[in-house]
Amino acid sequence: SQVLRDRANSLRLICHSKAGFSYMLPEA
C-alpha cells in the first residue's frame, strides 16, 4: 500500500511492449 501511495502523484509513465515485458523495444 505504501508503494502505491508513493507512486500516486508520480509524473512518470512506463512504455513497454504490448506483448509483455519479456519482449524488447528498439532503443530508437
PDB file of all heavy atoms in Angstrom:
ATOM      1  N   SER A   1       0.832  -1.209   0.000  1.00  0.00           N
ATOM      2  CA  SER A   1       0.000   0.000   0.000  1.00  0.00           C
ATOM      3  C   SER A   1       0.858   1.248   0.000  1.00  0.00           C
ATOM      4  O   SER A   1       0.541   2.243  -0.649  1.00  0.00           O
ATOM      5  CB  SER A   1      -0.934  -0.009   1.219  1.00  0.00           C
ATOM      6  OG  SER A   1      -1.796  -1.117   1.182  1.00  0.00           O
ATOM      7  N   GLN A   2       1.979   1.204   0.728  1.00  0.00           N
ATOM      8  CA  GLN A   2       2.877   2.344   0.761  1.00  0.00           C
ATOM      9  C   GLN A   2       3.498   2.599  -0.604  1.00  0.00           C
ATOM     10  O   GLN A   2       3.679   3.744  -1.027  1.00  0.00           O
ATOM     11  CB  GLN A   2       3.976   2.111   1.802  1.00  0.00           C
ATOM     12  CG  GLN A   2       4.942   3.270   1.958  1.00  0.00           C
ATOM     13  CD  GLN A   2       4.257   4.527   2.463  1.00  0.00           C
ATOM     14  OE1 GLN A   2       3.419   4.456   3.357  1.00  0.00           O
ATOM     15  NE2 GLN A   2       4.600   5.664   1.889  1.00  0.00           N
ATOM     16  N   VAL A   3       3.827   1.523  -1.306  1.00  0.00           N
ATOM     17  CA  VAL A   3       4.380   1.660  -2.655  1.00  0.00           C
ATOM     18  C   VAL A   3       3.387   2.359  -3.570  1.00  0.00           C
ATOM     19  O   VAL A   3       3.742   3.262  -4.345  1.00  0.00           O
ATOM     20  CB  VAL A   3       4.761   0.282  -3.230  1.00  0.00           C
ATOM     21  CG1 VAL A   3       5.139   0.398  -4.699  1.00  0.00           C
ATOM     22  CG2 VAL A   3       5.921  -0.310  -2.442  1.00  0.00           C
ATOM     23  N   LEU A   4       2.112   1.970  -3.484  1.00  0.00           N
ATOM     24  CA  LEU A   4       1.088   2.588  -4.327  1.00  0.00           C
ATOM     25  C   LEU A   4       0.887   4.056  -3.958  1.00  0.00           C
ATOM     26  O   LEU A   4       0.712   4.907  -4.833  1.00  0.00           O
ATOM     27  CB  LEU A   4      -0.234   1.823  -4.186  1.00  0.00           C
ATOM     28  CG  LEU A   4      -0.248   0.398  -4.743  1.00  0.00           C
ATOM     29  CD1 LEU A   4      -1.595  -0.259  -4.486  1.00  0.00           C
ATOM     30  CD2 LEU A   4       0.076   0.382  -6.224  1.00  0.00           C
ATOM     31  N   ARG A   5       0.917   4.365  -2.671  1.00  0.00           N
ATOM     32  CA  ARG A   5       0.746   5.763  -2.251  1.00  0.00           C
ATOM     33  C   ARG A   5       1.910   6.616  -2.727  1.00  0.00           C
ATOM     34  O   ARG A   5       1.736   7.756  -3.142  1.00  0.00           O
ATOM     35  CB  ARG A   5       0.618   5.839  -0.722  1.00  0.00           C
ATOM     36  CG  ARG A   5      -0.714   5.377  -0.186  1.00  0.00           C
ATOM     37  CD  ARG A   5      -0.894   5.822   1.246  1.00  0.00           C
ATOM     38  NE  ARG A   5       0.107   5.240   2.121  1.00  0.00           N
ATOM     39  CZ  ARG A   5      -0.047   4.089   2.763  1.00  0.00           C
ATOM     40  NH1 ARG A   5      -1.163   3.388   2.605  1.00  0.00           N
ATOM     41  NH2 ARG A   5       0.902   3.631   3.554  1.00  0.00           N
ATOM     42  N   ASP A   6       3.110   6.051  -2.661  1.00  0.00           N
ATOM     43  CA  ASP A   6       4.281   6.811  -3.085  1.00  0.00           C
ATOM     44  C   ASP A   6       4.255   7.120  -4.575  1.00  0.00           C
ATOM     45  O   ASP A   6       4.810   8.123  -5.026  1.00  0.00           O
ATOM     46  CB  ASP A   6       5.559   6.035  -2.752  1.00  0.00           C
ATOM     47  CG  ASP A   6       5.797   5.947  -1.254  1.00  0.00           C
ATOM     48  OD1 ASP A   6       5.172   6.741  -0.520  1.00  0.00           O
ATOM     49  OD2 ASP A   6       6.574   5.074  -0.824  1.00  0.00           O
ATOM     50  N   ARG A   7       3.631   6.241  -5.365  1.00  0.00           N
ATOM     51  CA  ARG A   7       3.624   6.413  -6.812  1.00  0.00           C
ATOM     52  C   ARG A   7       2.382   7.137  -7.322  1.00  0.00           C
ATOM     53  O   ARG A   7       2.250   7.392  -8.510  1.00  0.00           O
ATOM     54  CB  ARG A   7       3.708   5.045  -7.503  1.00  0.00           C
ATOM     55  CG  ARG A   7       4.990   4.269  -7.188  1.00  0.00           C
ATOM     56  CD  ARG A   7       6.196   5.004  -7.744  1.00  0.00           C
ATOM     57  NE  ARG A   7       7.418   4.262  -7.513  1.00  0.00           N
ATOM     58  CZ  ARG A   7       8.226   4.441  -6.494  1.00  0.00           C
ATOM     59  NH1 ARG A   7       7.947   5.351  -5.578  1.00  0.00           N
ATOM     60  NH2 ARG A   7       9.331   3.725  -6.364  1.00  0.00           N
ATOM     61  N   ALA A   8       1.441   7.474  -6.421  1.00  0.00           N
ATOM     62  CA  ALA A   8       0.162   8.039  -6.853  1.00  0.00           C
ATOM     63  C   ALA A   8       0.333   9.379  -7.576  1.00  0.00           C
ATOM     64  O   ALA A   8      -0.375   9.671  -8.533  1.00  0.00           O
ATOM     65  CB  ALA A   8      -0.766   8.207  -5.652  1.00  0.00           C
ATOM     66  N   ASN A   9       1.273  10.206  -7.122  1.00  0.00           N
ATOM     67  CA  ASN A   9       1.472  11.534  -7.709  1.00  0.00           C
ATOM     68  C   ASN A   9       2.688  11.591  -8.622  1.00  0.00           C
ATOM     69  O   ASN A   9       3.203  12.675  -8.910  1.00  0.00           O
ATOM     70  CB  ASN A   9       1.618  12.565  -6.584  1.00  0.00           C
ATOM     71  CG  ASN A   9       0.377  12.661  -5.716  1.00  0.00           C
ATOM     72  OD1 ASN A   9      -0.739  12.598  -6.225  1.00  0.00           O
ATOM     73  ND2 ASN A   9       0.573  12.789  -4.420  1.00  0.00           N
ATOM     74  N   SER A  10       3.136  10.459  -9.096  1.00  0.00           N
ATOM     75  CA  SER A  10       4.319  10.429  -9.941  1.00  0.00           C
ATOM     76  C   SER A  10       4.015  11.011 -11.317  1.00  0.00           C
ATOM     77  O   SER A  10       2.911  10.856 -11.860  1.00  0.00           O
ATOM     78  CB  SER A  10       4.815   8.985 -10.086  1.00  0.00           C
ATOM     79  OG  SER A  10       5.872   8.916 -11.009  1.00  0.00           O
ATOM     80  N   LEU A  11       5.004  11.689 -11.888  1.00  0.00           N
ATOM     81  CA  LEU A  11       4.887  12.239 -13.241  1.00  0.00           C
ATOM     82  C   LEU A  11       5.561  11.328 -14.262  1.00  0.00           C
ATOM     83  O   LEU A  11       5.846  11.752 -15.371  1.00  0.00           O
ATOM     84  CB  LEU A  11       5.514  13.638 -13.292  1.00  0.00           C
ATOM     85  CG  LEU A  11       4.844  14.710 -12.425  1.00  0.00           C
ATOM     86  CD1 LEU A  11       5.601  16.028 -12.535  1.00  0.00           C
ATOM     87  CD2 LEU A  11       3.384  14.894 -12.819  1.00  0.00           C
ATOM     88  N   ARG A  12       5.788  10.079 -13.899  1.00  0.00           N
ATOM     89  CA  ARG A  12       6.443   9.133 -14.792  1.00  0.00           C
ATOM     90  C   ARG A  12       5.430   8.178 -15.410  1.00  0.00           C
ATOM     91  O   ARG A  12       4.507   7.711 -14.747  1.00  0.00           O
ATOM     92  CB  ARG A  12       7.507   8.321 -14.039  1.00  0.00           C
ATOM     93  CG  ARG A  12       8.696   9.128 -13.574  1.00  0.00           C
ATOM     94  CD  ARG A  12       9.806   8.208 -13.107  1.00  0.00           C
ATOM     95  NE  ARG A  12       9.421   7.444 -11.933  1.00  0.00           N
ATOM     96  CZ  ARG A  12       9.867   7.693 -10.707  1.00  0.00           C
ATOM     97  NH1 ARG A  12      10.690   8.696 -10.501  1.00  0.00           N
ATOM     98  NH2 ARG A  12       9.500   6.950  -9.696  1.00  0.00           N
ATOM     99  N   LEU A  13       5.649   7.898 -16.686  1.00  0.00           N
ATOM    100  CA  LEU A  13       4.895   6.866 -17.388  1.00  0.00           C
ATOM    101  C   LEU A  13       5.856   5.752 -17.771  1.00  0.00           C
ATOM    102  O   LEU A  13       7.063   5.960 -17.888  1.00  0.00           O
ATOM    103  CB  LEU A  13       4.237   7.434 -18.647  1.00  0.00           C
ATOM    104  CG  LEU A  13       3.311   8.637 -18.481  1.00  0.00           C
ATOM    105  CD1 LEU A  13       2.788   9.084 -19.843  1.00  0.00           C
ATOM    106  CD2 LEU A  13       2.157   8.313 -17.541  1.00  0.00           C
ATOM    107  N   ILE A  14       5.318   4.565 -17.965  1.00  0.00           N
ATOM    108  CA  ILE A  14       6.121   3.410 -18.362  1.00  0.00           C
ATOM    109  C   ILE A  14       5.622   2.921 -19.715  1.00  0.00           C
ATOM    110  O   ILE A  14       4.457   2.574 -19.869  1.00  0.00           O
ATOM    111  CB  ILE A  14       6.011   2.280 -17.325  1.00  0.00           C
ATOM    112  CG1 ILE A  14       6.451   2.785 -15.953  1.00  0.00           C
ATOM    113  CG2 ILE A  14       6.857   1.075 -17.742  1.00  0.00           C
ATOM    114  CD1 ILE A  14       6.219   1.798 -14.840  1.00  0.00           C
ATOM    115  N   CYS A  15       6.519   2.923 -20.687  1.00  0.00           N
ATOM    116  CA  CYS A  15       6.189   2.471 -22.040  1.00  0.00           C
ATOM    117  C   CYS A  15       6.913   1.151 -22.289  1.00  0.00           C
ATOM    118  O   CYS A  15       8.142   1.091 -22.295  1.00  0.00           O
ATOM    119  CB  CYS A  15       6.619   3.523 -23.067  1.00  0.00           C
ATOM    120  SG  CYS A  15       6.333   3.025 -24.794  1.00  0.00           S
ATOM    121  N   HIS A  16       6.148   0.082 -22.496  1.00  0.00           N
ATOM    122  CA  HIS A  16       6.732  -1.240 -22.725  1.00  0.00           C
ATOM    123  C   HIS A  16       6.051  -1.910 -23.899  1.00  0.00           C
ATOM    124  O   HIS A  16       5.068  -1.386 -24.472  1.00  0.00           O
ATOM    125  CB  HIS A  16       6.594  -2.106 -21.467  1.00  0.00           C
ATOM    126  CG  HIS A  16       5.174  -2.288 -21.016  1.00  0.00           C
ATOM    127  ND1 HIS A  16       4.361  -3.300 -21.466  1.00  0.00           N
ATOM    128  CD2 HIS A  16       4.406  -1.562 -20.141  1.00  0.00           C
ATOM    129  CE1 HIS A  16       3.173  -3.221 -20.895  1.00  0.00           C
ATOM    130  NE2 HIS A  16       3.164  -2.165 -20.087  1.00  0.00           N
ATOM    131  N   SER A  17       6.533  -3.061 -24.271  1.00  0.00           N
ATOM    132  CA  SER A  17       5.954  -3.779 -25.403  1.00  0.00           C
ATOM    133  C   SER A  17       4.531  -4.231 -25.078  1.00  0.00           C
ATOM    134  O   SER A  17       4.241  -4.655 -23.950  1.00  0.00           O
ATOM    135  CB  SER A  17       6.819  -4.992 -25.748  1.00  0.00           C
ATOM    136  OG  SER A  17       6.183  -5.791 -26.728  1.00  0.00           O
ATOM    137  N   LYS A  18       3.670  -4.139 -26.066  1.00  0.00           N
ATOM    138  CA  LYS A  18       2.287  -4.559 -25.878  1.00  0.00           C
ATOM    139  C   LYS A  18       2.198  -6.058 -25.625  1.00  0.00           C
ATOM    140  O   LYS A  18       1.265  -6.536 -24.979  1.00  0.00           O
ATOM    141  CB  LYS A  18       1.463  -4.183 -27.118  1.00  0.00           C
ATOM    142  CG  LYS A  18      -0.035  -4.309 -26.942  1.00  0.00           C
ATOM    143  CD  LYS A  18      -0.779  -3.800 -28.162  1.00  0.00           C
ATOM    144  CE  LYS A  18      -2.285  -3.854 -27.964  1.00  0.00           C
ATOM    145  NZ  LYS A  18      -3.009  -3.334 -29.158  1.00  0.00           N
ATOM    146  N   ALA A  19       3.180  -6.803 -26.079  1.00  0.00           N
ATOM    147  CA  ALA A  19       3.182  -8.252 -25.900  1.00  0.00           C
ATOM    148  C   ALA A  19       3.626  -8.656 -24.500  1.00  0.00           C
ATOM    149  O   ALA A  19       3.414  -9.797 -24.087  1.00  0.00           O
ATOM    150  CB  ALA A  19       4.093  -8.901 -26.940  1.00  0.00           C
ATOM    151  N   GLY A  20       4.252  -7.751 -23.753  1.00  0.00           N
ATOM    152  CA  GLY A  20       4.701  -8.063 -22.402  1.00  0.00           C
ATOM    153  C   GLY A  20       6.110  -7.561 -22.152  1.00  0.00           C
ATOM    154  O   GLY A  20       6.826  -7.145 -23.062  1.00  0.00           O
ATOM    155  N   PHE A  21       6.520  -7.630 -20.889  1.00  0.00           N
ATOM    156  CA  PHE A  21       7.827  -7.100 -20.501  1.00  0.00           C
ATOM    157  C   PHE A  21       8.987  -7.942 -21.014  1.00  0.00           C
ATOM    158  O   PHE A  21      10.112  -7.466 -21.084  1.00  0.00           O
ATOM    159  CB  PHE A  21       7.920  -6.997 -18.977  1.00  0.00           C
ATOM    160  CG  PHE A  21       7.148  -5.839 -18.409  1.00  0.00           C
ATOM    161  CD1 PHE A  21       5.877  -6.029 -17.889  1.00  0.00           C
ATOM    162  CD2 PHE A  21       7.682  -4.565 -18.403  1.00  0.00           C
ATOM    163  CE1 PHE A  21       5.160  -4.972 -17.366  1.00  0.00           C
ATOM    164  CE2 PHE A  21       6.970  -3.495 -17.882  1.00  0.00           C
ATOM    165  CZ  PHE A  21       5.706  -3.695 -17.364  1.00  0.00           C
ATOM    166  N   SER A  22       8.729  -9.183 -21.350  1.00  0.00           N
ATOM    167  CA  SER A  22       9.818 -10.025 -21.841  1.00  0.00           C
ATOM    168  C   SER A  22      10.181  -9.704 -23.291  1.00  0.00           C
ATOM    169  O   SER A  22      11.201 -10.179 -23.790  1.00  0.00           O
ATOM    170  CB  SER A  22       9.438 -11.508 -21.713  1.00  0.00           C
ATOM    171  OG  SER A  22       8.251 -11.789 -22.435  1.00  0.00           O
ATOM    172  N   TYR A  23       9.356  -8.931 -23.955  1.00  0.00           N
ATOM    173  CA  TYR A  23       9.629  -8.537 -25.343  1.00  0.00           C
ATOM    174  C   TYR A  23      10.311  -7.171 -25.340  1.00  0.00           C
ATOM    175  O   TYR A  23       9.896  -6.255 -24.631  1.00  0.00           O
ATOM    176  CB  TYR A  23       8.336  -8.491 -26.161  1.00  0.00           C
ATOM    177  CG  TYR A  23       7.703  -9.845 -26.352  1.00  0.00           C
ATOM    178  CD1 TYR A  23       6.840 -10.370 -25.396  1.00  0.00           C
ATOM    179  CD2 TYR A  23       7.976 -10.610 -27.486  1.00  0.00           C
ATOM    180  CE1 TYR A  23       6.264 -11.616 -25.548  1.00  0.00           C
ATOM    181  CE2 TYR A  23       7.397 -11.866 -27.656  1.00  0.00           C
ATOM    182  CZ  TYR A  23       6.546 -12.355 -26.686  1.00  0.00           C
ATOM    183  OH  TYR A  23       5.981 -13.596 -26.845  1.00  0.00           O
ATOM    184  N   MET A  24      11.337  -7.038 -26.150  1.00  0.00           N
ATOM    185  CA  MET A  24      12.142  -5.825 -26.165  1.00  0.00           C
ATOM    186  C   MET A  24      11.592  -4.792 -27.147  1.00  0.00           C
ATOM    187  O   MET A  24      10.866  -5.140 -28.098  1.00  0.00           O
ATOM    188  CB  MET A  24      13.592  -6.169 -26.530  1.00  0.00           C
ATOM    189  CG  MET A  24      14.194  -7.285 -25.694  1.00  0.00           C
ATOM    190  SD  MET A  24      14.344  -6.855 -23.941  1.00  0.00           S
ATOM    191  CE  MET A  24      15.766  -5.762 -24.006  1.00  0.00           C
ATOM    192  N   LEU A  25      11.962  -3.541 -26.902  1.00  0.00           N
ATOM    193  CA  LEU A  25      11.609  -2.443 -27.796  1.00  0.00           C
ATOM    194  C   LEU A  25      12.888  -1.860 -28.402  1.00  0.00           C
ATOM    195  O   LEU A  25      13.928  -1.835 -27.744  1.00  0.00           O
ATOM    196  CB  LEU A  25      10.876  -1.337 -27.032  1.00  0.00           C
ATOM    197  CG  LEU A  25       9.476  -1.647 -26.514  1.00  0.00           C
ATOM    198  CD1 LEU A  25       8.966  -0.480 -25.672  1.00  0.00           C
ATOM    199  CD2 LEU A  25       8.511  -1.948 -27.652  1.00  0.00           C
ATOM    200  N   PRO A  26      12.823  -1.374 -29.636  1.00  0.00           N
ATOM    201  CA  PRO A  26      14.014  -0.731 -30.236  1.00  0.00           C
ATOM    202  C   PRO A  26      14.370   0.537 -29.476  1.00  0.00           C
ATOM    203  O   PRO A  26      13.495   1.336 -29.132  1.00  0.00           O
ATOM    204  CB  PRO A  26      13.561  -0.415 -31.665  1.00  0.00           C
ATOM    205  CG  PRO A  26      12.379  -1.290 -31.911  1.00  0.00           C
ATOM    206  CD  PRO A  26      11.700  -1.465 -30.583  1.00  0.00           C
ATOM    207  N   GLU A  27      15.646   0.748 -29.198  1.00  0.00           N
ATOM    208  CA  GLU A  27      16.057   1.953 -28.476  1.00  0.00           C
ATOM    209  C   GLU A  27      15.827   3.219 -29.307  1.00  0.00           C
ATOM    210  O   GLU A  27      15.779   4.326 -28.768  1.00  0.00           O
ATOM    211  CB  GLU A  27      17.529   1.853 -28.075  1.00  0.00           C
ATOM    212  CG  GLU A  27      18.500   1.795 -29.233  1.00  0.00           C
ATOM    213  CD  GLU A  27      19.949   1.734 -28.776  1.00  0.00           C
ATOM    214  OE1 GLU A  27      20.202   1.490 -27.581  1.00  0.00           O
ATOM    215  OE2 GLU A  27      20.834   1.942 -29.626  1.00  0.00           O
ATOM    216  N   ALA A  28      15.616   3.061 -30.621  1.00  0.00           N
ATOM    217  CA  ALA A  28      15.339   4.213 -31.482  1.00  0.00           C
ATOM    218  C   ALA A  28      13.986   4.849 -31.164  1.00  0.00           C
ATOM    219  O   ALA A  28      13.735   6.009 -31.527  1.00  0.00           O
ATOM    220  CB  ALA A  28      15.379   3.792 -32.950  1.00  0.00           C
TER     221      ALA A  28
END
